[in-house]
Each structure stands twice: as structure tokens, then as C-alpha cells.
Amino acid sequence: MNSLGKIIKYSFYDTLRSWWALLYGLFFLIIASTLLYFSGDFNKAIVSLLNIVLLLVPLISTVFGTMYSYNSREFTELLLAQPLKRNHIFLGQYLGLTLSLVLSLSLGLGIAFLLFAGTAAESANLFMLILCGCLLTGIFTGLAFLISVLFEDRIKGFGIAILVWLFAAVIYDGLFLAFLVAFNDYPLEKATIGLTMFNPIDLSRIMILLRLDTAALLGYTGAVFNKFFGTWQGTMVSFFALLVWVLVPLLLFLKKVQRKDF
């Protein structure tokens, strides 16, 4: 096994050994099982899970990523003293942490679904929810790693990381709504779709809601989104946009650590 694989394995098992990773998966298992058991409609349970996933997955990924990056600084310095490639060290840590969080999330939601198995269509909806959750994990873990390497002060870095999550989860929607109200006399179809691409949380929400045929709940914008995101081309563009969101923070992080003096 090469150095990258060993670092991924170490970071992966190191995260899984912590109680936080186990509690993370157990939380989603309990919440998903409860909603699926007491809800008479599988799709309604998915909508409820959607709100929880889109709020907590980015938050937990941000907190875990920031804490892990700062707490492993001494171990990282030890690895840097060895004849190892810098990219392997930091990419391995990122992948190990991300994969452990993805596994916890997938097992928590997946086991709950197996206990309350649904139809093939319901399986596809749950798969979409898990996939978006995994992509959001990669995005916000990458952002957390990037922030931690940009700011040496732990408190400042942690505060900025939480602010980034807050902006994406809450503030951006308010600014987006204010923009739509201020310019409601103008054709905003293309602008609305474009602005949605700049927020991975909103993009994930729309993709899943459209699969559940709940676009009517979004009003006029729902019709606009359905016209674009409801097609297979729109779906492919959406996934490509989420992949770009995963890659950009990660590449910026790897570029920064190549020149950083630890």
C-alpha cells in the first residue's frame, strides 16, 4: 500500500474510533427510522429527512473538518518530516475523514430504509438524498480544511468556518429572496438558475424536491426550476456543479499547503 493509501486508512479508522462518528451515524439511524415508522407517506418522511440532512450534514462536516485539521497539526508536522509527498499527506487526511463521515451517514439512512423497505421509486428518492448528503459532506469538509490552513488561530478559523456554514444554510436564502423581490419586474429565469448554482445546499434541496414532485410548493420559481432541473440535462448540470463545489475547495487547499511553512 502506498503512502496515500496508508494515510487515508489511518485517518479513516482514527475518525471511526471516535464516539462522535458513531453518534453521527446513530443519530441519522434513529431519526430516519422514527420518521419512516410514524409517517404514513414515505415521500413525506423523505422531505422531513431532507430538511435535517441539509442543515446538519454541512454543519457536522464543517465542525469535524475544522476540529480534525487543527487537532492533527502536530501529527501532520511529524508526517511532513518524513519522505512523503505533501499532497499525499493532506489529501489522505481529507479523504479519510470524508469517507468516514460518508459511511456513517450512508449506514444510518440505509439501515433505516432496510428496516422499512419501500418501492423502487422510493429507493431512488432515498438514494438521491444519500448522494446529495455525501456530496455536501465532501464540499463542507473541503471548505473546513481550506479555512483551517488559511487561519492559524483556531478560534478565528472555527468562527469563520461556522460563518460560512451559516451563510450557505440561512443567509444566502434571505439574500436570494430579497433579490427576487427587488427585481420581480424583470425576467429572472436564467438569473434564478444561475444563483442557485452558487449554493450547494439550495441546489441539493431543489434536486430532491423535484424528484418528489413537490415543485408546486416553490411557486413560480418551482416552475422555472422544474423546466430546467426536471430534465436529464439539468440533472447532469446539477451534479456537475456539485462536483465542482467538491473539487474547488479541495484543489485550493492542496495548492495552499504546498507553499505553506508549517
Protein backbone atom coordinates (compact mmCIF):
# COMPACT_ATOMS: atom_id res chain seq x y z
CA MET A 1 0.00 0.00 0.00
CA ASN A 2 1.41 3.41 -0.99
CA SER A 3 1.73 6.38 1.36
CA LEU A 4 -1.58 7.94 0.25
CA GLY A 5 -3.49 4.75 0.94
CA LYS A 6 -1.89 4.36 4.39
CA ILE A 7 -2.77 7.93 5.38
CA ILE A 8 -6.35 7.50 4.15
CA LYS A 9 -6.64 4.26 6.14
CA TYR A 10 -5.22 5.84 9.30
CA SER A 11 -7.46 8.94 9.09
CA PHE A 12 -10.48 6.78 8.26
CA TYR A 13 -10.10 4.44 11.24
CA ASP A 14 -8.99 7.25 13.54
CA THR A 15 -12.27 9.07 12.88
CA LEU A 16 -14.41 5.95 13.18
CA ARG A 17 -12.84 5.14 16.55
CA SER A 18 -14.19 8.39 17.97
CA TRP A 19 -17.63 8.41 19.60
CA TRP A 20 -18.64 11.41 17.51
CA ALA A 21 -18.57 9.46 14.24
CA LEU A 22 -20.60 6.63 15.77
CA LEU A 23 -23.12 9.03 17.29
CA TYR A 24 -23.40 10.80 13.93
CA GLY A 25 -24.48 7.60 12.18
CA LEU A 26 -26.66 6.52 15.11
CA PHE A 27 -28.46 9.87 15.10
CA PHE A 28 -29.48 9.54 11.46
CA LEU A 29 -30.48 5.91 12.02
CA ILE A 30 -32.82 6.87 14.88
CA ILE A 31 -34.26 9.95 13.15
CA ALA A 32 -34.80 8.17 9.83
CA SER A 33 -36.34 5.10 11.50
CA THR A 34 -38.68 7.25 13.57
CA LEU A 35 -39.88 9.30 10.61
CA LEU A 36 -40.32 6.24 8.37
CA TYR A 37 -42.17 4.34 11.10
CA PHE A 38 -44.62 7.04 12.14
CA SER A 39 -45.13 8.62 8.72
CA GLY A 40 -47.84 7.15 6.54
CA ASP A 41 -46.20 8.55 3.42
CA PHE A 42 -42.64 7.62 2.51
CA ASN A 43 -42.13 10.78 0.45
CA LYS A 44 -43.24 12.97 3.37
CA ALA A 45 -40.65 11.23 5.52
CA ILE A 46 -38.01 11.93 2.86
CA VAL A 47 -38.96 15.64 2.85
CA SER A 48 -38.57 15.76 6.63
CA LEU A 49 -35.23 13.96 6.38
CA LEU A 50 -34.20 16.37 3.64
CA ASN A 51 -34.54 19.37 5.95
CA ILE A 52 -32.48 17.61 8.63
CA VAL A 53 -29.78 16.41 6.22
CA LEU A 54 -29.37 19.78 4.50
CA LEU A 55 -29.00 21.52 7.85
CA LEU A 56 -26.91 19.08 9.88
CA VAL A 57 -24.66 17.38 7.31
CA PRO A 58 -22.93 20.63 6.25
CA LEU A 59 -22.70 21.75 9.89
CA ILE A 60 -21.21 18.47 11.16
CA SER A 61 -18.83 18.27 8.19
CA THR A 62 -17.67 21.84 8.85
CA VAL A 63 -17.17 21.25 12.59
CA PHE A 64 -15.49 17.85 12.14
CA GLY A 65 -13.25 19.13 9.34
CA THR A 66 -12.12 22.18 11.28
CA MET A 67 -11.52 20.30 14.53
CA TYR A 68 -9.71 17.44 12.82
CA SER A 69 -7.44 19.73 10.82
CA TYR A 70 -6.39 21.78 13.85
CA ASN A 71 -6.12 18.85 16.27
CA SER A 72 -3.96 16.81 13.89
CA ARG A 73 -1.49 19.65 13.27
CA GLU A 74 1.31 18.08 15.35
CA PHE A 75 0.83 14.71 13.65
CA THR A 76 0.86 16.46 10.28
CA GLU A 77 4.16 18.16 11.12
CA LEU A 78 5.58 14.74 12.02
CA LEU A 79 4.48 13.35 8.66
CA LEU A 80 5.97 16.35 6.85
CA ALA A 81 9.35 15.45 8.34
CA GLN A 82 9.16 12.07 6.60
CA PRO A 83 9.96 11.45 2.90
CA LEU A 84 6.31 11.75 1.90
CA LYS A 85 4.64 13.89 -0.72
CA ARG A 86 2.73 16.81 0.76
CA ASN A 87 -0.26 16.17 -1.48
CA HIS A 88 -0.45 12.59 -0.23
CA ILE A 89 -0.45 13.70 3.40
CA PHE A 90 -3.19 16.31 3.16
CA LEU A 91 -5.28 14.55 0.51
CA GLY A 92 -5.13 11.37 2.59
CA GLN A 93 -6.38 13.19 5.69
CA TYR A 94 -9.20 14.81 3.74
CA LEU A 95 -10.30 11.57 2.08
CA GLY A 96 -10.04 9.57 5.30
CA LEU A 97 -12.25 11.99 7.24
CA THR A 98 -14.72 12.46 4.37
CA LEU A 99 -15.11 8.74 3.75
CA SER A 100 -15.74 8.04 7.44
CA LEU A 101 -18.46 10.70 7.60
CA VAL A 102 -19.97 9.46 4.34
CA LEU A 103 -20.02 5.89 5.69
CA SER A 104 -21.72 6.95 8.93
CA LEU A 105 -24.38 8.93 7.05
CA SER A 106 -24.99 6.21 4.45
CA LEU A 107 -25.28 3.43 7.03
CA GLY A 108 -27.58 5.47 9.26
CA LEU A 109 -30.04 6.27 6.46
CA GLY A 110 -29.53 2.98 4.60
CA ILE A 111 -30.19 0.70 7.57
CA ALA A 112 -33.35 2.65 8.42
CA PHE A 113 -34.59 2.15 4.86
CA LEU A 114 -33.86 -1.60 5.01
CA LEU A 115 -35.96 -1.81 8.17
CA PHE A 116 -38.86 -0.04 6.45
CA ALA A 117 -38.27 -1.03 2.83
CA GLY A 118 -40.20 0.88 0.17
CA THR A 119 -40.75 0.63 -3.57
CA ALA A 120 -38.14 1.03 -6.30
CA ALA A 121 -39.15 4.67 -6.79
CA GLU A 122 -38.83 5.32 -3.07
CA SER A 123 -35.42 3.64 -3.12
CA ALA A 124 -34.34 6.03 -5.88
CA ASN A 125 -35.50 9.03 -3.83
CA LEU A 126 -33.60 7.83 -0.78
CA PHE A 127 -30.51 7.18 -2.91
CA MET A 128 -30.71 10.76 -4.21
CA LEU A 129 -30.92 12.04 -0.62
CA ILE A 130 -27.89 9.99 0.46
CA LEU A 131 -25.93 11.01 -2.65
CA CYS A 132 -26.58 14.72 -2.05
CA GLY A 133 -25.64 14.25 1.61
CA CYS A 134 -22.35 12.61 0.60
CA LEU A 135 -21.53 15.42 -1.85
CA LEU A 136 -22.32 18.05 0.78
CA THR A 137 -20.01 16.20 3.17
CA GLY A 138 -17.17 16.44 0.66
CA ILE A 139 -17.90 20.11 -0.04
CA PHE A 140 -18.01 21.38 3.54
CA THR A 141 -15.17 19.18 4.75
CA GLY A 142 -13.05 20.68 1.98
CA LEU A 143 -14.10 24.20 2.95
CA ALA A 144 -13.25 23.45 6.58
CA PHE A 145 -9.77 22.17 5.65
CA LEU A 146 -9.19 25.22 3.45
CA ILE A 147 -10.22 27.62 6.22
CA SER A 148 -8.04 25.85 8.79
CA VAL A 149 -4.96 26.27 6.63
CA LEU A 150 -5.73 29.91 5.86
CA PHE A 151 -6.07 30.91 9.53
CA GLU A 152 -3.54 29.81 12.13
CA ASP A 153 -5.68 30.93 15.06
CA ARG A 154 -8.04 28.09 15.94
CA ILE A 155 -10.81 30.22 17.40
CA LYS A 156 -10.80 32.58 14.42
CA GLY A 157 -10.73 29.70 11.94
CA PHE A 158 -13.53 27.86 13.71
CA GLY A 159 -15.64 31.03 13.84
CA ILE A 160 -15.16 31.70 10.12
CA ALA A 161 -16.00 28.08 9.29
CA ILE A 162 -19.29 28.35 11.22
CA LEU A 163 -20.00 31.67 9.49
CA VAL A 164 -19.50 30.02 6.08
CA TRP A 165 -21.99 27.30 7.03
CA LEU A 166 -24.45 29.88 8.36
CA PHE A 167 -24.20 31.91 5.16
CA ALA A 168 -24.84 28.87 2.95
CA ALA A 169 -27.64 27.43 5.12
CA VAL A 170 -29.55 30.58 6.11
CA ILE A 171 -28.23 33.96 4.99
CA TYR A 172 -27.92 33.12 1.28
CA ASP A 173 -31.62 32.21 1.08
CA GLY A 174 -32.57 35.56 2.60
CA LEU A 175 -30.41 37.47 0.14
CA PHE A 176 -31.76 35.36 -2.72
CA LEU A 177 -35.34 36.14 -1.72
CA ALA A 178 -34.56 39.84 -1.39
CA PHE A 179 -33.07 39.79 -4.90
CA LEU A 180 -36.20 38.16 -6.33
CA VAL A 181 -38.48 40.70 -4.62
CA ALA A 182 -36.37 43.69 -5.66
CA PHE A 183 -36.24 42.67 -9.33
CA ASN A 184 -39.59 40.93 -9.73
CA ASP A 185 -40.46 43.17 -12.69
CA TYR A 186 -37.62 41.69 -14.75
CA PRO A 187 -37.25 38.23 -16.35
CA LEU A 188 -35.24 36.34 -13.76
CA GLU A 189 -35.42 32.75 -15.00
CA LYS A 190 -31.77 32.43 -16.02
CA ALA A 191 -30.54 34.54 -13.10
CA THR A 192 -32.51 32.36 -10.66
CA ILE A 193 -30.97 29.16 -12.00
CA GLY A 194 -27.50 30.72 -12.05
CA LEU A 195 -27.72 31.98 -8.47
CA THR A 196 -28.91 28.56 -7.31
CA MET A 197 -25.69 27.02 -8.64
CA PHE A 198 -23.71 29.21 -6.21
CA ASN A 199 -25.21 27.47 -3.17
CA PRO A 200 -24.76 23.66 -2.97
CA ILE A 201 -27.36 23.36 -0.19
CA ASP A 202 -30.08 25.04 -2.26
CA LEU A 203 -29.06 23.06 -5.33
CA SER A 204 -29.36 19.77 -3.43
CA ARG A 205 -32.73 20.78 -1.98
CA ILE A 206 -34.21 21.61 -5.39
CA MET A 207 -32.91 18.40 -6.98
CA ILE A 208 -34.57 16.24 -4.34
CA LEU A 209 -37.84 18.21 -4.14
CA LEU A 210 -38.28 17.95 -7.89
CA ARG A 211 -37.90 14.17 -7.67
CA LEU A 212 -40.67 14.13 -5.07
CA ASP A 213 -42.99 16.14 -7.37
CA THR A 214 -43.22 18.98 -4.87
CA ALA A 215 -42.16 21.77 -7.23
CA ALA A 216 -45.59 23.36 -6.79
CA LEU A 217 -44.60 24.23 -3.22
CA LEU A 218 -41.94 26.55 -4.65
CA GLY A 219 -44.47 28.64 -6.58
CA TYR A 220 -43.32 30.45 -9.72
CA THR A 221 -39.68 29.59 -9.09
CA GLY A 222 -40.72 25.94 -8.84
CA ALA A 223 -41.98 26.07 -12.42
CA VAL A 224 -38.70 27.64 -13.52
CA PHE A 225 -36.65 25.03 -11.66
CA ASN A 226 -38.80 22.17 -12.96
CA LYS A 227 -38.33 23.35 -16.53
CA PHE A 228 -34.53 23.19 -16.17
CA PHE A 229 -33.68 20.78 -13.36
CA GLY A 230 -36.53 18.42 -14.24
CA THR A 231 -34.78 17.34 -17.45
CA TRP A 232 -31.90 14.86 -17.58
CA GLN A 233 -29.65 17.60 -18.96
CA GLY A 234 -30.50 19.80 -15.98
CA THR A 235 -29.83 16.91 -13.60
CA MET A 236 -26.42 16.30 -15.15
CA VAL A 237 -25.56 20.00 -14.95
CA SER A 238 -26.61 19.99 -11.28
CA PHE A 239 -24.40 17.04 -10.41
CA PHE A 240 -21.53 18.60 -12.33
CA ALA A 241 -22.00 21.82 -10.35
CA LEU A 242 -21.90 19.87 -7.05
CA LEU A 243 -18.75 18.05 -8.17
CA VAL A 244 -17.16 21.41 -8.98
CA TRP A 245 -18.09 22.53 -5.47
CA VAL A 246 -16.29 19.44 -4.12
CA LEU A 247 -13.16 19.92 -6.22
CA VAL A 248 -12.60 23.69 -5.99
CA PRO A 249 -12.10 23.95 -2.17
CA LEU A 250 -10.03 20.75 -2.20
CA LEU A 251 -7.73 21.96 -5.00
CA LEU A 252 -7.34 25.37 -3.34
CA PHE A 253 -6.49 23.61 -0.08
CA LEU A 254 -3.88 21.38 -1.73
CA LYS A 255 -2.37 24.36 -3.55
CA LYS A 256 -2.16 26.35 -0.31
CA VAL A 257 -0.48 23.60 1.72
CA GLN A 258 2.17 23.11 -0.99
CA ARG A 259 3.53 26.60 -0.24
CA LYS A 260 2.71 26.82 3.47
CA ASP A 261 5.55 26.70 6.00
CA PHE A 262 4.43 24.53 8.94
